[in-house]
Amino acid sequence: MKRTMKKNQSFNNKVSGGLDVEYSSELADHEDLEAQARSKAADERAKRREQNK
């Protein structure tokens, strides 16, 4: 089933680019924890690339 959104609704639901996002470890589900682990691994890869330049 496809959901349709009004133009103003889609504007309000855009991701903020990682800024000003509220996160609560108490409310995190399994998918949140997996995403957090992927993000941490990506940050570590980027940091290693910067150090190897």
PDB file of N, CA and C in Angstrom:
ATOM      1  N   MET A   1       0.842  -1.176   0.000  1.00  0.00           N
ATOM      2  CA  MET A   1       0.000   0.000   0.000  1.00  0.00           C
ATOM      3  C   MET A   1       0.890   1.243   0.000  1.00  0.00           C
ATOM      4  N   LYS A   2       0.683   2.091  -0.966  1.00  0.00           N
ATOM      5  CA  LYS A   2       1.478   3.310  -1.075  1.00  0.00           C
ATOM      6  C   LYS A   2       0.843   4.425  -0.271  1.00  0.00           C
ATOM      7  N   ARG A   3       1.678   5.147   0.419  1.00  0.00           N
ATOM      8  CA  ARG A   3       1.185   6.310   1.149  1.00  0.00           C
ATOM      9  C   ARG A   3       1.528   7.552   0.350  1.00  0.00           C
ATOM     10  N   THR A   4       0.595   8.444   0.313  1.00  0.00           N
ATOM     11  CA  THR A   4       0.873   9.704  -0.360  1.00  0.00           C
ATOM     12  C   THR A   4       0.985  10.791   0.692  1.00  0.00           C
ATOM     13  N   MET A   5       1.878  11.724   0.436  1.00  0.00           N
ATOM     14  CA  MET A   5       2.093  12.801   1.384  1.00  0.00           C
ATOM     15  C   MET A   5       1.850  14.129   0.697  1.00  0.00           C
ATOM     16  N   LYS A   6       1.285  15.025   1.427  1.00  0.00           N
ATOM     17  CA  LYS A   6       1.133  16.377   0.915  1.00  0.00           C
ATOM     18  C   LYS A   6       2.495  17.044   0.886  1.00  0.00           C
ATOM     19  N   LYS A   7       2.640  18.045   0.056  1.00  0.00           N
ATOM     20  CA  LYS A   7       3.925  18.710  -0.100  1.00  0.00           C
ATOM     21  C   LYS A   7       4.472  19.228   1.231  1.00  0.00           C
ATOM     22  N   ASN A   8       3.663  19.854   2.036  1.00  0.00           N
ATOM     23  CA  ASN A   8       4.152  20.396   3.298  1.00  0.00           C
ATOM     24  C   ASN A   8       4.525  19.305   4.291  1.00  0.00           C
ATOM     25  N   GLN A   9       3.888  18.156   4.233  1.00  0.00           N
ATOM     26  CA  GLN A   9       4.232  17.056   5.124  1.00  0.00           C
ATOM     27  C   GLN A   9       5.603  16.490   4.781  1.00  0.00           C
ATOM     28  N   SER A  10       5.891  16.335   3.494  1.00  0.00           N
ATOM     29  CA  SER A  10       7.178  15.779   3.113  1.00  0.00           C
ATOM     30  C   SER A  10       8.305  16.732   3.500  1.00  0.00           C
ATOM     31  N   PHE A  11       8.066  18.017   3.459  1.00  0.00           N
ATOM     32  CA  PHE A  11       9.080  18.990   3.878  1.00  0.00           C
ATOM     33  C   PHE A  11       9.387  18.830   5.359  1.00  0.00           C
ATOM     34  N   ASN A  12       8.377  18.621   6.170  1.00  0.00           N
ATOM     35  CA  ASN A  12       8.573  18.507   7.614  1.00  0.00           C
ATOM     36  C   ASN A  12       9.234  17.202   8.015  1.00  0.00           C
ATOM     37  N   ASN A  13       9.202  16.183   7.153  1.00  0.00           N
ATOM     38  CA  ASN A  13       9.752  14.880   7.491  1.00  0.00           C
ATOM     39  C   ASN A  13      11.165  14.664   6.957  1.00  0.00           C
ATOM     40  N   LYS A  14      11.794  15.672   6.391  1.00  0.00           N
ATOM     41  CA  LYS A  14      13.142  15.514   5.857  1.00  0.00           C
ATOM     42  C   LYS A  14      14.142  15.349   7.004  1.00  0.00           C
ATOM     43  N   VAL A  15      15.167  14.569   6.739  1.00  0.00           N
ATOM     44  CA  VAL A  15      16.219  14.345   7.727  1.00  0.00           C
ATOM     45  C   VAL A  15      17.065  15.598   7.823  1.00  0.00           C
ATOM     46  N   SER A  16      17.497  15.901   9.001  1.00  0.00           N
ATOM     47  CA  SER A  16      18.232  17.140   9.243  1.00  0.00           C
ATOM     48  C   SER A  16      19.732  17.010   9.007  1.00  0.00           C
ATOM     49  N   GLY A  17      20.167  15.943   8.375  1.00  0.00           N
ATOM     50  CA  GLY A  17      21.591  15.795   8.123  1.00  0.00           C
ATOM     51  C   GLY A  17      22.386  15.435   9.356  1.00  0.00           C
ATOM     52  N   GLY A  18      21.735  14.859  10.339  1.00  0.00           N
ATOM     53  CA  GLY A  18      22.424  14.444  11.547  1.00  0.00           C
ATOM     54  C   GLY A  18      22.574  15.527  12.591  1.00  0.00           C
ATOM     55  N   LEU A  19      22.032  16.686  12.355  1.00  0.00           N
ATOM     56  CA  LEU A  19      22.139  17.771  13.316  1.00  0.00           C
ATOM     57  C   LEU A  19      20.845  17.901  14.116  1.00  0.00           C
ATOM     58  N   ASP A  20      20.980  18.203  15.377  1.00  0.00           N
ATOM     59  CA  ASP A  20      19.829  18.435  16.256  1.00  0.00           C
ATOM     60  C   ASP A  20      18.859  17.265  16.273  1.00  0.00           C
ATOM     61  N   VAL A  21      19.380  16.064  16.276  1.00  0.00           N
ATOM     62  CA  VAL A  21      18.530  14.876  16.324  1.00  0.00           C
ATOM     63  C   VAL A  21      18.548  14.343  17.745  1.00  0.00           C
ATOM     64  N   GLU A  22      17.381  14.161  18.301  1.00  0.00           N
ATOM     65  CA  GLU A  22      17.281  13.659  19.665  1.00  0.00           C
ATOM     66  C   GLU A  22      17.454  12.146  19.664  1.00  0.00           C
ATOM     67  N   TYR A  23      18.226  11.634  20.582  1.00  0.00           N
ATOM     68  CA  TYR A  23      18.456  10.189  20.699  1.00  0.00           C
ATOM     69  C   TYR A  23      18.410   9.803  22.165  1.00  0.00           C
ATOM     70  N   SER A  24      17.712   8.740  22.439  1.00  0.00           N
ATOM     71  CA  SER A  24      17.617   8.237  23.796  1.00  0.00           C
ATOM     72  C   SER A  24      17.947   6.753  23.786  1.00  0.00           C
ATOM     73  N   SER A  25      18.997   6.361  24.491  1.00  0.00           N
ATOM     74  CA  SER A  25      19.365   4.948  24.515  1.00  0.00           C
ATOM     75  C   SER A  25      18.279   4.104  25.184  1.00  0.00           C
ATOM     76  N   GLU A  26      17.511   4.714  26.077  1.00  0.00           N
ATOM     77  CA  GLU A  26      16.432   3.973  26.735  1.00  0.00           C
ATOM     78  C   GLU A  26      15.307   3.628  25.758  1.00  0.00           C
ATOM     79  N   LEU A  27      15.122   4.475  24.739  1.00  0.00           N
ATOM     80  CA  LEU A  27      14.041   4.253  23.779  1.00  0.00           C
ATOM     81  C   LEU A  27      14.522   3.572  22.501  1.00  0.00           C
ATOM     82  N   ALA A  28      15.809   3.289  22.394  1.00  0.00           N
ATOM     83  CA  ALA A  28      16.372   2.699  21.177  1.00  0.00           C
ATOM     84  C   ALA A  28      15.909   1.258  21.016  1.00  0.00           C
ATOM     85  N   ASP A  29      15.546   0.914  19.775  1.00  0.00           N
ATOM     86  CA  ASP A  29      15.207  -0.467  19.479  1.00  0.00           C
ATOM     87  C   ASP A  29      16.397  -1.136  18.791  1.00  0.00           C
ATOM     88  N   HIS A  30      16.226  -2.374  18.369  1.00  0.00           N
ATOM     89  CA  HIS A  30      17.310  -3.137  17.766  1.00  0.00           C
ATOM     90  C   HIS A  30      17.853  -2.448  16.515  1.00  0.00           C
ATOM     91  N   GLU A  31      16.972  -1.911  15.687  1.00  0.00           N
ATOM     92  CA  GLU A  31      17.409  -1.234  14.461  1.00  0.00           C
ATOM     93  C   GLU A  31      18.219   0.020  14.785  1.00  0.00           C
ATOM     94  N   ASP A  32      17.835   0.744  15.825  1.00  0.00           N
ATOM     95  CA  ASP A  32      18.598   1.927  16.243  1.00  0.00           C
ATOM     96  C   ASP A  32      20.008   1.538  16.676  1.00  0.00           C
ATOM     97  N   LEU A  33      20.108   0.453  17.425  1.00  0.00           N
ATOM     98  CA  LEU A  33      21.418   0.006  17.903  1.00  0.00           C
ATOM     99  C   LEU A  33      22.298  -0.451  16.742  1.00  0.00           C
ATOM    100  N   GLU A  34      21.700  -1.138  15.755  1.00  0.00           N
ATOM    101  CA  GLU A  34      22.461  -1.549  14.576  1.00  0.00           C
ATOM    102  C   GLU A  34      22.938  -0.334  13.790  1.00  0.00           C
ATOM    103  N   ALA A  35      22.073   0.648  13.627  1.00  0.00           N
ATOM    104  CA  ALA A  35      22.448   1.865  12.899  1.00  0.00           C
ATOM    105  C   ALA A  35      23.558   2.601  13.627  1.00  0.00           C
ATOM    106  N   GLN A  36      23.494   2.625  14.936  1.00  0.00           N
ATOM    107  CA  GLN A  36      24.534   3.285  15.718  1.00  0.00           C
ATOM    108  C   GLN A  36      25.872   2.566  15.539  1.00  0.00           C
ATOM    109  N   ALA A  37      25.849   1.246  15.507  1.00  0.00           N
ATOM    110  CA  ALA A  37      27.086   0.474  15.309  1.00  0.00           C
ATOM    111  C   ALA A  37      27.654   0.715  13.910  1.00  0.00           C
ATOM    112  N   ARG A  38      26.782   0.764  12.892  1.00  0.00           N
ATOM    113  CA  ARG A  38      27.250   1.050  11.526  1.00  0.00           C
ATOM    114  C   ARG A  38      27.856   2.441  11.437  1.00  0.00           C
ATOM    115  N   SER A  39      27.234   3.392  12.105  1.00  0.00           N
ATOM    116  CA  SER A  39      27.741   4.762  12.093  1.00  0.00           C
ATOM    117  C   SER A  39      29.109   4.848  12.754  1.00  0.00           C
ATOM    118  N   LYS A  40      29.262   4.174  13.857  1.00  0.00           N
ATOM    119  CA  LYS A  40      30.543   4.177  14.562  1.00  0.00           C
ATOM    120  C   LYS A  40      31.631   3.543  13.697  1.00  0.00           C
ATOM    121  N   ALA A  41      31.305   2.433  13.029  1.00  0.00           N
ATOM    122  CA  ALA A  41      32.282   1.774  12.155  1.00  0.00           C
ATOM    123  C   ALA A  41      32.661   2.681  10.988  1.00  0.00           C
ATOM    124  N   ALA A  42      31.704   3.384  10.420  1.00  0.00           N
ATOM    125  CA  ALA A  42      31.985   4.307   9.319  1.00  0.00           C
ATOM    126  C   ALA A  42      32.860   5.459   9.789  1.00  0.00           C
ATOM    127  N   ASP A  43      32.592   5.976  10.972  1.00  0.00           N
ATOM    128  CA  ASP A  43      33.418   7.055  11.527  1.00  0.00           C
ATOM    129  C   ASP A  43      34.860   6.587  11.722  1.00  0.00           C
ATOM    130  N   GLU A  44      35.026   5.364  12.201  1.00  0.00           N
ATOM    131  CA  GLU A  44      36.375   4.831  12.410  1.00  0.00           C
ATOM    132  C   GLU A  44      37.100   4.647  11.077  1.00  0.00           C
ATOM    133  N   ARG A  45      36.392   4.167  10.037  1.00  0.00           N
ATOM    134  CA  ARG A  45      37.012   4.029   8.710  1.00  0.00           C
ATOM    135  C   ARG A  45      37.445   5.385   8.172  1.00  0.00           C
ATOM    136  N   ALA A  46      36.598   6.378   8.323  1.00  0.00           N
ATOM    137  CA  ALA A  46      36.925   7.722   7.837  1.00  0.00           C
ATOM    138  C   ALA A  46      38.111   8.286   8.591  1.00  0.00           C
ATOM    139  N   LYS A  47      38.170   8.064   9.871  1.00  0.00           N
ATOM    140  CA  LYS A  47      39.277   8.562  10.681  1.00  0.00           C
ATOM    141  C   LYS A  47      40.592   7.907  10.242  1.00  0.00           C
ATOM    142  N   ARG A  48      40.559   6.577   9.967  1.00  0.00           N
ATOM    143  CA  ARG A  48      41.767   5.894   9.508  1.00  0.00           C
ATOM    144  C   ARG A  48      42.218   6.422   8.158  1.00  0.00           C
ATOM    145  N   ARG A  49      41.257   6.716   7.270  1.00  0.00           N
ATOM    146  CA  ARG A  49      41.617   7.259   5.959  1.00  0.00           C
ATOM    147  C   ARG A  49      42.301   8.615   6.096  1.00  0.00           C
ATOM    148  N   GLU A  50      41.792   9.435   6.997  1.00  0.00           N
ATOM    149  CA  GLU A  50      42.396  10.751   7.223  1.00  0.00           C
ATOM    150  C   GLU A  50      43.810  10.614   7.764  1.00  0.00           C
ATOM    151  N   GLN A  51      44.030   9.655   8.643  1.00  0.00           N
ATOM    152  CA  GLN A  51      45.347   9.466   9.248  1.00  0.00           C
ATOM    153  C   GLN A  51      46.352   8.894   8.239  1.00  0.00           C
ATOM    154  N   ASN A  52      45.880   8.170   7.231  1.00  0.00           N
ATOM    155  CA  ASN A  52      46.762   7.554   6.240  1.00  0.00           C
ATOM    156  C   ASN A  52      47.103   8.476   5.089  1.00  0.00           C
ATOM    157  N   LYS A  53      46.622   9.693   5.094  1.00  0.00           N
ATOM    158  CA  LYS A  53      46.916  10.626   3.993  1.00  0.00           C
ATOM    159  C   LYS A  53      48.314  11.143   4.090  1.00  0.00           C
TER     160      LYS A  53
END
